[in-house]
N, C-alpha and C. Protein backbone atom coordinates (compact mmCIF):
# COMPACT_ATOMS: atom_id res chain seq x y z
N MET A 1 1.12 -1.33 0.04
CA MET A 1 0.20 0.00 -0.02
C MET A 1 0.89 1.21 0.04
N GLN A 2 1.84 1.43 0.81
CA GLN A 2 2.83 2.25 1.04
C GLN A 2 3.60 2.63 -0.53
N SER A 3 3.84 1.51 -1.19
CA SER A 3 4.58 1.63 -2.78
C SER A 3 3.48 2.38 -3.59
N GLU A 4 2.29 2.05 -3.40
CA GLU A 4 1.32 2.50 -4.18
C GLU A 4 0.97 3.87 -4.05
N LEU A 5 0.86 4.24 -2.76
CA LEU A 5 0.57 5.83 -2.40
C LEU A 5 1.92 6.56 -2.88
N ARG A 6 3.15 6.22 -2.68
CA ARG A 6 4.32 6.77 -3.17
C ARG A 6 4.25 6.70 -4.84
N ALA A 7 3.88 6.03 -5.42
CA ALA A 7 3.92 5.90 -6.95
C ALA A 7 2.76 6.88 -7.43
N GLN A 8 1.67 6.97 -6.89
CA GLN A 8 0.60 7.95 -7.36
C GLN A 8 1.10 9.47 -6.73
N ARG A 9 1.98 9.41 -5.78
CA ARG A 9 2.48 10.83 -5.56
C ARG A 9 3.64 11.08 -6.31
N GLN A 10 4.57 10.32 -6.96
CA GLN A 10 5.34 10.74 -7.92
C GLN A 10 4.97 10.81 -9.32
N LEU A 11 3.68 10.12 -9.80
CA LEU A 11 2.91 10.26 -10.91
C LEU A 11 2.52 11.87 -11.04
N ARG A 12 1.79 12.22 -9.67
CA ARG A 12 1.35 13.36 -9.68
C ARG A 12 2.21 14.78 -9.85
N LEU A 13 3.44 14.44 -9.20
CA LEU A 13 4.75 15.20 -9.23
C LEU A 13 5.15 15.40 -10.79
N ILE A 14 5.24 14.29 -11.32
CA ILE A 14 5.82 14.10 -12.94
C ILE A 14 4.87 15.02 -13.71
N GLN A 15 3.59 14.93 -13.29
CA GLN A 15 2.51 15.64 -14.18
C GLN A 15 2.81 17.10 -13.95
N GLU A 16 2.80 17.61 -12.69
CA GLU A 16 3.08 19.06 -12.26
C GLU A 16 4.29 19.30 -12.69
N LEU A 17 5.34 18.88 -12.67
CA LEU A 17 6.61 19.25 -13.17
C LEU A 17 6.92 19.49 -14.70
N VAL A 18 6.18 18.71 -15.57
CA VAL A 18 6.24 18.92 -16.67
C VAL A 18 5.01 19.84 -17.09
N GLU A 19 4.03 20.00 -16.75
CA GLU A 19 3.20 21.25 -16.80
C GLU A 19 3.66 22.42 -16.36
N LEU A 20 4.17 22.47 -15.33
CA LEU A 20 5.04 23.77 -14.92
C LEU A 20 5.89 24.21 -16.04
N LEU A 21 6.84 23.36 -16.30
CA LEU A 21 7.99 23.47 -17.25
C LEU A 21 7.46 23.98 -18.56
N GLN A 22 6.35 23.17 -18.91
CA GLN A 22 5.59 23.53 -20.30
C GLN A 22 5.28 24.68 -20.63
N ALA A 23 4.63 25.14 -19.49
CA ALA A 23 3.77 26.51 -19.18
C ALA A 23 4.74 27.83 -19.41
N ALA A 24 6.15 27.35 -18.88
CA ALA A 24 7.24 28.20 -19.43
C ALA A 24 7.84 28.15 -20.33
N SER A 25 7.65 27.28 -21.17
CA SER A 25 8.13 27.25 -22.54
C SER A 25 9.84 26.53 -22.20
N ILE A 26 9.80 25.61 -21.33
CA ILE A 26 11.14 24.93 -21.13
C ILE A 26 11.13 23.62 -21.30
N ARG A 27 11.57 23.23 -22.50
CA ARG A 27 11.72 21.72 -22.62
C ARG A 27 12.39 20.81 -21.51
N CYS A 28 11.54 19.69 -21.48
CA CYS A 28 12.12 18.66 -20.50
C CYS A 28 11.75 17.26 -20.98
N TRP A 29 12.53 16.24 -20.51
CA TRP A 29 12.29 14.99 -20.98
C TRP A 29 12.36 13.97 -19.78
N LEU A 30 11.42 13.33 -19.49
CA LEU A 30 11.65 12.34 -18.43
C LEU A 30 12.68 11.18 -19.12
N ARG A 31 13.28 10.69 -17.55
CA ARG A 31 14.45 9.78 -18.02
C ARG A 31 14.49 8.68 -16.78
N GLY A 32 15.64 7.93 -16.99
CA GLY A 32 15.48 7.02 -15.77
C GLY A 32 14.18 5.90 -15.80
N GLY A 33 13.96 5.55 -14.60
CA GLY A 33 13.06 4.41 -14.29
C GLY A 33 11.61 4.82 -14.79
N TRP A 34 11.09 5.98 -14.47
CA TRP A 34 9.82 6.50 -14.89
C TRP A 34 9.86 6.55 -16.49
N ALA A 35 10.68 7.12 -16.93
CA ALA A 35 10.82 7.11 -18.50
C ALA A 35 10.49 5.53 -18.98
N HIS A 36 11.14 4.76 -18.54
CA HIS A 36 10.85 3.30 -18.87
C HIS A 36 9.41 2.75 -18.58
N ASP A 37 9.04 3.08 -17.58
CA ASP A 37 7.41 3.14 -17.39
C ASP A 37 6.51 3.57 -18.05
N PHE A 38 6.75 5.01 -18.57
CA PHE A 38 5.94 5.76 -19.47
C PHE A 38 6.19 4.89 -20.69
N PHE A 39 7.09 4.61 -20.97
CA PHE A 39 7.47 4.06 -22.56
C PHE A 39 6.65 2.59 -22.49
N LEU A 40 6.69 1.93 -21.37
CA LEU A 40 5.95 0.31 -21.30
C LEU A 40 4.55 0.85 -21.20
N GLY A 41 4.15 1.92 -20.48
CA GLY A 41 2.78 2.15 -20.09
C GLY A 41 2.18 1.45 -18.86
N GLU A 42 3.11 0.98 -17.96
CA GLU A 42 2.88 0.35 -16.68
C GLU A 42 3.76 0.94 -15.64
N VAL A 43 3.45 0.88 -14.25
CA VAL A 43 4.24 0.93 -13.39
C VAL A 43 5.03 -0.58 -13.12
N THR A 44 6.29 -0.51 -13.23
CA THR A 44 7.07 -1.88 -13.21
C THR A 44 7.68 -2.07 -11.65
N ARG A 45 7.77 -0.95 -10.90
CA ARG A 45 8.50 -1.13 -9.74
C ARG A 45 8.40 0.06 -8.97
N VAL A 46 8.92 0.13 -7.69
CA VAL A 46 8.90 1.44 -6.92
C VAL A 46 10.20 2.20 -7.14
N HIS A 47 10.06 3.63 -7.54
CA HIS A 47 11.00 4.17 -7.94
C HIS A 47 11.57 5.17 -6.81
N ASP A 48 12.80 5.15 -6.68
CA ASP A 48 13.55 6.06 -5.69
C ASP A 48 13.38 7.83 -6.02
N ASP A 49 13.09 8.01 -7.37
CA ASP A 49 13.16 9.40 -7.60
C ASP A 49 12.73 9.53 -8.66
N ILE A 50 12.52 10.84 -9.46
CA ILE A 50 12.08 11.32 -10.50
C ILE A 50 13.36 11.95 -11.17
N ASP A 51 13.47 11.61 -12.45
CA ASP A 51 14.75 12.04 -13.32
C ASP A 51 14.29 12.62 -14.38
N LEU A 52 14.81 13.98 -14.52
CA LEU A 52 14.36 14.64 -16.12
C LEU A 52 15.69 15.31 -16.67
N PHE A 53 15.70 15.47 -17.83
CA PHE A 53 16.46 16.40 -18.46
C PHE A 53 16.09 17.66 -19.00
N VAL A 54 16.57 18.64 -18.87
CA VAL A 54 16.38 19.92 -19.41
C VAL A 54 17.55 20.53 -19.95
N TRP A 55 17.53 21.66 -20.78
CA TRP A 55 18.74 22.54 -21.34
C TRP A 55 19.48 23.25 -20.28
N ALA A 56 20.47 23.04 -20.21
CA ALA A 56 21.23 23.61 -19.32
C ALA A 56 21.02 25.00 -19.25
N SER A 57 20.75 25.88 -20.36
CA SER A 57 20.58 27.40 -20.55
C SER A 57 19.34 27.50 -19.93
N ASP A 58 18.52 26.46 -19.39
CA ASP A 58 17.42 26.82 -18.70
C ASP A 58 17.44 26.66 -17.06
N SER A 59 18.67 25.92 -16.68
CA SER A 59 18.74 25.90 -15.30
C SER A 59 18.26 26.96 -14.22
N ASP A 60 18.70 28.05 -14.51
CA ASP A 60 18.37 29.03 -13.74
C ASP A 60 16.92 29.54 -13.62
N ALA A 61 16.30 29.22 -14.66
CA ALA A 61 14.77 29.25 -14.99
C ALA A 61 14.17 28.25 -14.08
N VAL A 62 14.57 27.01 -14.42
CA VAL A 62 13.95 25.88 -13.81
C VAL A 62 14.25 26.19 -12.17
N GLY A 63 15.07 26.47 -11.76
CA GLY A 63 15.64 26.55 -10.29
C GLY A 63 14.49 27.61 -9.67
N GLN A 64 14.41 28.90 -10.41
CA GLN A 64 13.48 29.88 -10.01
C GLN A 64 12.03 29.44 -9.84
N MET A 65 11.51 28.78 -11.05
CA MET A 65 10.33 28.35 -11.12
C MET A 65 9.89 27.56 -10.12
N LEU A 66 10.87 26.19 -10.00
CA LEU A 66 10.52 25.38 -8.82
C LEU A 66 10.22 25.75 -7.71
N ALA A 67 11.28 26.97 -7.38
CA ALA A 67 11.38 27.29 -5.85
C ALA A 67 9.96 28.33 -5.74
N ARG A 68 9.35 28.92 -6.61
CA ARG A 68 8.22 29.76 -6.55
C ARG A 68 7.14 28.80 -6.27
N SER A 69 7.35 27.29 -6.79
CA SER A 69 6.11 26.33 -6.63
C SER A 69 6.23 25.56 -5.40
N GLY A 70 7.53 25.90 -4.62
CA GLY A 70 7.21 24.99 -3.39
C GLY A 70 8.59 24.05 -3.15
N PHE A 71 8.99 23.76 -4.49
CA PHE A 71 10.13 22.78 -4.38
C PHE A 71 11.44 23.51 -3.95
N THR A 72 12.11 22.53 -3.16
CA THR A 72 13.44 23.20 -2.23
C THR A 72 14.51 22.27 -2.85
N GLU A 73 15.66 23.04 -3.07
CA GLU A 73 16.86 22.47 -3.65
C GLU A 73 17.61 21.95 -2.79
N ARG A 74 18.18 20.75 -2.97
CA ARG A 74 19.14 20.20 -2.17
C ARG A 74 20.62 20.95 -2.32
N ASN A 75 20.87 21.91 -1.18
CA ASN A 75 22.11 22.39 -1.27
C ASN A 75 23.48 21.25 -1.24
N GLY A 76 24.39 21.63 -1.97
CA GLY A 76 25.61 20.95 -1.82
C GLY A 76 25.54 19.95 -2.90
N LEU A 77 24.39 19.59 -3.57
CA LEU A 77 24.30 18.43 -4.47
C LEU A 77 24.58 18.88 -6.03
N ARG A 78 24.13 20.27 -6.10
CA ARG A 78 24.26 21.20 -7.43
C ARG A 78 25.61 20.90 -8.08
N SER A 79 25.64 20.56 -9.39
CA SER A 79 26.86 20.36 -9.97
C SER A 79 26.53 20.92 -11.43
N ALA A 80 27.94 20.82 -12.04
CA ALA A 80 27.71 21.37 -13.42
C ALA A 80 26.84 20.67 -14.52
N GLY A 81 26.62 19.45 -14.09
CA GLY A 81 25.67 18.77 -14.92
C GLY A 81 24.21 18.34 -14.42
N GLN A 82 23.91 18.47 -12.90
CA GLN A 82 22.78 18.20 -12.27
C GLN A 82 22.33 19.08 -11.07
N ARG A 83 20.98 19.40 -11.01
CA ARG A 83 20.52 19.90 -9.71
C ARG A 83 19.37 18.98 -9.06
N VAL A 84 19.45 19.04 -7.63
CA VAL A 84 18.29 17.96 -7.34
C VAL A 84 17.27 19.01 -6.45
N PHE A 85 16.22 18.51 -6.59
CA PHE A 85 15.14 19.22 -5.83
C PHE A 85 14.28 18.32 -5.01
N ARG A 86 13.54 18.88 -4.09
CA ARG A 86 12.63 18.25 -3.32
C ARG A 86 11.43 18.54 -3.20
N MET A 87 10.29 17.63 -3.21
CA MET A 87 8.82 18.25 -2.91
C MET A 87 8.15 17.14 -2.41
N GLU A 88 7.50 16.99 -1.31
CA GLU A 88 6.66 16.01 -0.61
C GLU A 88 7.55 14.65 -0.30
N GLY A 89 8.89 15.11 0.00
CA GLY A 89 9.60 13.83 0.48
C GLY A 89 10.16 13.10 -0.87
N GLU A 90 9.81 13.61 -2.02
CA GLU A 90 10.42 12.93 -3.10
C GLU A 90 11.61 13.66 -3.91
N GLU A 91 12.68 13.32 -4.10
CA GLU A 91 13.70 14.01 -4.96
C GLU A 91 13.37 13.69 -6.45
N ILE A 92 13.79 15.16 -6.88
CA ILE A 92 13.76 15.13 -8.62
C ILE A 92 15.20 15.76 -9.00
N HIS A 93 15.83 14.81 -9.88
CA HIS A 93 16.99 15.03 -10.24
C HIS A 93 17.16 15.51 -11.63
N VAL A 94 17.47 16.94 -11.99
CA VAL A 94 17.44 17.64 -13.29
C VAL A 94 18.57 17.50 -13.72
N ALA A 95 18.94 16.52 -14.69
CA ALA A 95 20.24 16.71 -15.31
C ALA A 95 20.11 17.78 -16.77
N LEU A 96 21.26 18.61 -16.64
CA LEU A 96 21.52 19.49 -17.68
C LEU A 96 22.01 18.89 -18.86
N LEU A 97 21.24 19.35 -20.05
CA LEU A 97 21.77 19.07 -21.23
C LEU A 97 22.36 20.14 -22.36
N GLU A 98 23.45 19.85 -22.88
CA GLU A 98 23.88 20.74 -24.21
C GLU A 98 24.09 20.11 -25.02
N ARG A 99 24.21 21.00 -26.26
CA ARG A 99 24.63 20.82 -27.70
C ARG A 99 26.25 21.23 -27.97
N THR A 100 26.91 20.37 -28.30
CA THR A 100 28.19 20.83 -28.26
C THR A 100 28.08 21.86 -29.78
N ALA A 101 29.04 22.47 -30.30
CA ALA A 101 29.29 23.07 -31.60
C ALA A 101 29.20 21.93 -33.00
N ASP A 102 29.45 20.87 -32.63
CA ASP A 102 29.48 19.88 -33.50
C ASP A 102 28.12 19.12 -33.58
N GLY A 103 27.18 19.45 -32.81
CA GLY A 103 25.96 18.72 -32.55
C GLY A 103 25.78 17.51 -31.60
N ARG A 104 26.81 17.25 -31.02
CA ARG A 104 26.69 15.96 -29.90
C ARG A 104 25.94 16.66 -28.80
N LEU A 105 25.27 15.61 -28.28
CA LEU A 105 24.54 15.97 -27.03
C LEU A 105 25.14 15.55 -25.54
N VAL A 106 25.39 16.31 -24.50
CA VAL A 106 26.11 16.02 -23.63
C VAL A 106 25.78 16.75 -22.29
N THR A 107 25.87 16.02 -21.23
CA THR A 107 25.56 16.68 -20.09
C THR A 107 27.12 17.17 -19.52
N PRO A 108 27.22 18.34 -19.24
CA PRO A 108 28.24 18.95 -18.88
C PRO A 108 28.81 18.17 -17.59
N ALA A 109 30.33 17.91 -17.41
CA ALA A 109 30.91 17.39 -16.34
C ALA A 109 30.49 15.65 -16.22
N GLY A 110 29.48 15.32 -16.98
CA GLY A 110 29.18 14.16 -17.18
C GLY A 110 28.20 13.62 -15.71
N ARG A 111 27.27 12.85 -15.52
CA ARG A 111 26.81 12.62 -14.37
C ARG A 111 27.37 12.15 -13.46
N TRP A 112 28.27 11.52 -13.42
CA TRP A 112 29.10 10.67 -12.40
C TRP A 112 30.16 11.39 -11.68
N ALA A 113 30.39 12.80 -12.31
CA ALA A 113 31.51 13.89 -11.57
C ALA A 113 31.60 13.56 -10.19
N ALA A 114 30.40 14.14 -9.96
CA ALA A 114 30.35 14.31 -8.12
C ALA A 114 30.54 13.00 -7.31
N ARG A 115 29.89 11.77 -7.77
CA ARG A 115 30.22 10.49 -7.09
C ARG A 115 31.54 9.96 -7.32
N LEU A 116 32.36 10.42 -8.22
CA LEU A 116 33.70 10.06 -8.51
C LEU A 116 34.36 10.98 -7.87
N GLY A 117 34.14 12.06 -7.13
CA GLY A 117 34.83 13.20 -6.54
C GLY A 117 35.54 14.07 -7.50
N LEU A 118 35.12 14.06 -8.52
CA LEU A 118 35.79 14.92 -9.60
C LEU A 118 35.28 16.48 -9.44
N GLU A 119 35.98 17.42 -9.71
CA GLU A 119 35.50 18.84 -9.70
C GLU A 119 34.95 18.93 -11.50
N PRO A 120 34.00 19.70 -11.61
CA PRO A 120 33.58 19.67 -12.80
C PRO A 120 34.55 20.07 -13.96
N SER A 121 35.39 20.84 -13.70
CA SER A 121 36.59 21.08 -14.72
C SER A 121 37.49 19.84 -14.91
N ASP A 122 37.37 18.87 -14.13
CA ASP A 122 38.26 17.80 -14.38
C ASP A 122 37.54 16.70 -14.85
N ALA A 123 36.01 16.80 -15.16
CA ALA A 123 35.35 15.78 -15.77
C ALA A 123 35.00 15.88 -17.01
N ALA A 124 35.05 15.06 -17.91
CA ALA A 124 34.92 14.93 -19.34
C ALA A 124 33.32 15.02 -19.36
N PRO A 125 32.69 15.85 -20.29
CA PRO A 125 31.16 15.86 -20.68
C PRO A 125 30.79 14.35 -20.93
N GLU A 126 29.51 13.87 -20.45
CA GLU A 126 29.30 12.73 -20.81
C GLU A 126 28.23 12.68 -22.05
N GLU A 127 28.64 11.96 -23.23
CA GLU A 127 27.86 12.10 -24.39
C GLU A 127 26.54 11.16 -24.69
N TRP A 128 25.67 11.92 -24.94
CA TRP A 128 24.31 10.78 -25.17
C TRP A 128 23.66 10.71 -26.79
N PRO A 129 23.12 9.68 -26.98
CA PRO A 129 22.70 9.50 -28.36
C PRO A 129 22.06 10.78 -28.60
N THR A 130 22.46 11.46 -29.99
CA THR A 130 21.97 12.30 -30.47
C THR A 130 20.20 12.46 -30.93
N GLU A 131 19.66 11.27 -31.06
CA GLU A 131 18.45 11.37 -31.18
C GLU A 131 17.39 11.02 -30.03
N MET A 132 18.10 11.01 -29.09
CA MET A 132 17.44 10.67 -27.78
C MET A 132 16.09 11.43 -27.39
N LEU A 133 16.16 12.65 -27.92
CA LEU A 133 15.04 13.63 -27.58
C LEU A 133 13.94 13.55 -28.80
N ASP A 134 14.03 12.93 -29.57
CA ASP A 134 13.47 12.90 -30.98
C ASP A 134 12.17 11.66 -30.91
N GLY A 135 11.72 10.89 -29.77
CA GLY A 135 11.03 9.87 -29.75
C GLY A 135 9.57 10.51 -29.42
N PRO A 136 8.58 9.54 -29.60
CA PRO A 136 7.28 10.07 -29.02
C PRO A 136 7.30 10.24 -27.57
N PRO A 137 6.38 10.95 -27.10
CA PRO A 137 5.96 10.85 -25.87
C PRO A 137 5.68 9.52 -25.14
N GLY A 138 5.72 9.39 -23.81
CA GLY A 138 5.46 8.14 -23.19
C GLY A 138 4.07 8.58 -22.55
N ARG A 139 3.32 7.35 -22.38
CA ARG A 139 1.64 7.38 -21.62
C ARG A 139 1.73 6.62 -20.56
N LEU A 140 1.30 7.02 -19.50
CA LEU A 140 0.89 6.01 -18.35
C LEU A 140 -0.39 6.64 -17.72
N VAL A 141 -1.28 5.81 -17.38
CA VAL A 141 -2.47 6.18 -16.77
C VAL A 141 -3.21 7.33 -17.58
N ASN A 142 -3.24 8.40 -17.26
CA ASN A 142 -3.73 9.32 -18.11
C ASN A 142 -2.92 10.64 -18.27
N ILE A 143 -1.56 10.32 -18.02
CA ILE A 143 -0.60 11.35 -18.36
C ILE A 143 0.34 11.15 -19.41
N THR A 144 0.53 12.05 -20.36
CA THR A 144 1.44 11.81 -21.21
C THR A 144 2.53 12.69 -21.21
N VAL A 145 3.83 12.57 -21.15
CA VAL A 145 4.96 13.20 -21.04
C VAL A 145 6.11 13.15 -22.02
N PRO A 146 6.84 14.14 -22.27
CA PRO A 146 7.97 13.72 -23.33
C PRO A 146 9.02 12.74 -22.50
N ILE A 147 9.54 11.75 -23.26
CA ILE A 147 10.49 10.94 -22.49
C ILE A 147 11.80 10.62 -23.51
N VAL A 148 12.85 10.39 -23.05
CA VAL A 148 14.04 9.81 -23.83
C VAL A 148 13.53 8.80 -24.34
N THR A 149 14.11 8.59 -25.64
CA THR A 149 13.69 7.41 -26.35
C THR A 149 14.29 6.18 -25.94
N PRO A 150 13.57 4.86 -25.82
CA PRO A 150 13.99 3.63 -25.10
C PRO A 150 15.56 3.19 -25.66
N ALA A 151 15.93 3.62 -26.69
CA ALA A 151 17.38 3.29 -26.99
C ALA A 151 18.21 3.93 -25.97
N ALA A 152 18.02 5.19 -25.88
CA ALA A 152 18.76 6.19 -24.76
C ALA A 152 18.59 5.52 -23.50
N GLN A 153 17.51 5.26 -22.99
CA GLN A 153 17.41 4.60 -21.79
C GLN A 153 18.24 3.38 -21.81
N VAL A 154 18.32 2.48 -22.53
CA VAL A 154 18.91 1.10 -22.68
C VAL A 154 20.71 1.82 -22.57
N HIS A 155 20.80 2.95 -23.33
CA HIS A 155 22.39 3.27 -23.29
C HIS A 155 22.70 3.83 -21.73
N ALA A 156 21.70 4.56 -21.24
CA ALA A 156 21.91 4.77 -19.84
C ALA A 156 22.22 3.88 -18.78
N ILE A 157 21.40 2.85 -18.83
CA ILE A 157 21.86 1.63 -17.99
C ILE A 157 22.94 1.06 -18.17
N GLU A 158 23.37 0.87 -19.59
CA GLU A 158 24.41 0.06 -19.80
C GLU A 158 25.93 1.03 -19.43
N SER A 159 25.62 2.25 -19.87
CA SER A 159 27.21 3.12 -19.36
C SER A 159 26.96 3.29 -18.04
N ALA A 160 25.98 3.43 -17.27
CA ALA A 160 26.25 3.36 -15.71
C ALA A 160 26.72 2.13 -15.33
N ALA A 161 26.46 1.05 -15.97
CA ALA A 161 26.99 -0.36 -15.34
C ALA A 161 28.64 -0.51 -15.70
N ARG A 162 29.07 0.39 -16.73
CA ARG A 162 30.47 0.35 -17.15
C ARG A 162 31.25 1.19 -16.12
N MET A 163 30.60 2.20 -15.21
CA MET A 163 31.31 2.92 -14.63
C MET A 163 32.07 2.11 -12.95
N PRO A 164 33.32 2.19 -12.88
CA PRO A 164 34.10 1.67 -11.75
C PRO A 164 33.14 1.69 -10.34
N GLY A 165 32.95 0.47 -10.13
CA GLY A 165 32.42 0.29 -8.71
C GLY A 165 30.86 0.70 -8.67
N HIS A 166 30.24 0.58 -9.80
CA HIS A 166 29.00 0.70 -10.08
C HIS A 166 28.18 -0.34 -10.85
N PRO A 167 28.17 -1.73 -10.17
CA PRO A 167 27.79 -2.86 -11.14
C PRO A 167 26.34 -2.69 -11.50
N LEU A 168 25.95 -3.52 -12.43
CA LEU A 168 24.47 -3.37 -12.79
C LEU A 168 23.54 -3.88 -11.67
N SER A 169 22.68 -3.25 -11.47
CA SER A 169 21.67 -3.61 -10.17
C SER A 169 20.67 -4.46 -10.60
N GLU A 170 19.99 -5.19 -9.63
CA GLU A 170 18.89 -6.19 -10.15
C GLU A 170 17.91 -5.38 -10.81
N LYS A 171 17.51 -4.21 -10.28
CA LYS A 171 16.24 -3.43 -10.87
C LYS A 171 16.83 -3.18 -12.24
N HIS A 172 18.00 -2.67 -12.54
CA HIS A 172 18.43 -2.12 -13.93
C HIS A 172 18.61 -3.27 -14.78
N ARG A 173 18.91 -4.46 -14.27
CA ARG A 173 18.67 -5.63 -15.17
C ARG A 173 17.64 -6.08 -15.44
N LYS A 174 16.43 -5.98 -14.56
CA LYS A 174 15.19 -6.13 -15.26
C LYS A 174 14.68 -4.99 -16.10
N ASP A 175 14.99 -3.80 -15.80
CA ASP A 175 14.64 -2.84 -16.58
C ASP A 175 15.21 -2.96 -18.23
N LEU A 176 16.16 -3.36 -18.19
CA LEU A 176 17.00 -3.91 -19.44
C LEU A 176 16.08 -4.85 -20.18
N ILE A 177 15.93 -6.12 -19.36
CA ILE A 177 15.13 -6.85 -20.11
C ILE A 177 13.79 -6.35 -20.69
N ARG A 178 12.90 -5.99 -19.75
CA ARG A 178 11.79 -5.36 -20.23
C ARG A 178 11.79 -4.21 -21.42
N LEU A 179 12.95 -3.34 -21.24
CA LEU A 179 12.96 -2.44 -22.66
C LEU A 179 13.43 -3.24 -23.96
N ARG A 180 14.22 -3.87 -23.62
CA ARG A 180 14.54 -4.81 -24.80
C ARG A 180 13.41 -5.82 -25.33
N GLU A 181 12.98 -6.69 -24.46
CA GLU A 181 11.71 -7.23 -25.18
C GLU A 181 11.04 -6.33 -25.84
N ARG A 182 10.28 -5.24 -25.35
CA ARG A 182 9.22 -4.34 -26.06
C ARG A 182 10.03 -3.83 -27.11
N LEU A 183 11.38 -3.56 -27.37
CA LEU A 183 11.93 -2.88 -28.34
C LEU A 183 12.05 -3.67 -29.71
N SER A 184 12.19 -5.26 -29.17
CA SER A 184 12.36 -6.03 -30.28
C SER A 184 10.69 -6.37 -30.71
N ALA A 185 9.96 -6.37 -29.96
CA ALA A 185 8.58 -6.69 -30.42
C ALA A 185 8.18 -5.47 -31.17
N THR A 186 8.63 -4.32 -31.20
CA THR A 186 7.96 -3.16 -32.25
C THR A 186 8.81 -3.13 -33.48
């Protein structure tokens, strides 16, 4: 029952976040476990957080808008590549995207810089599939939101598993199986 209530709260927050950002003409894409579920059209597991991508150039506007809407930013967790907000006990990880001069899609300093103890200036940008923002939206219950493509979701899980000291978790192994099965069926 507790996990069902948490899922309902997170779904409501996802809808609220996307509506707030879209109303401010800020593009966003759901990523991570919830993006998998929105692609699959079902809640597959309990989620620890909500993950989004936004353009790095919108970072300040996102922070100001979320603060006005009651979200609090977790101090000390902001990096060149991500900001972390909280609402109703839930964490929202907002990863910041940039497009390089040659068209590559990257998160500045990479999403693992802080975990590896690197300063943003010491960490290389993490590259993402350039087409990851070009897929159709995902739908779950009565909510439709932009999501990163399923191929990008697979890429994210596989690249995380290659990080030193970050083996593939059971939940991510199951996510990969579900995503690959659905992708092979389409």
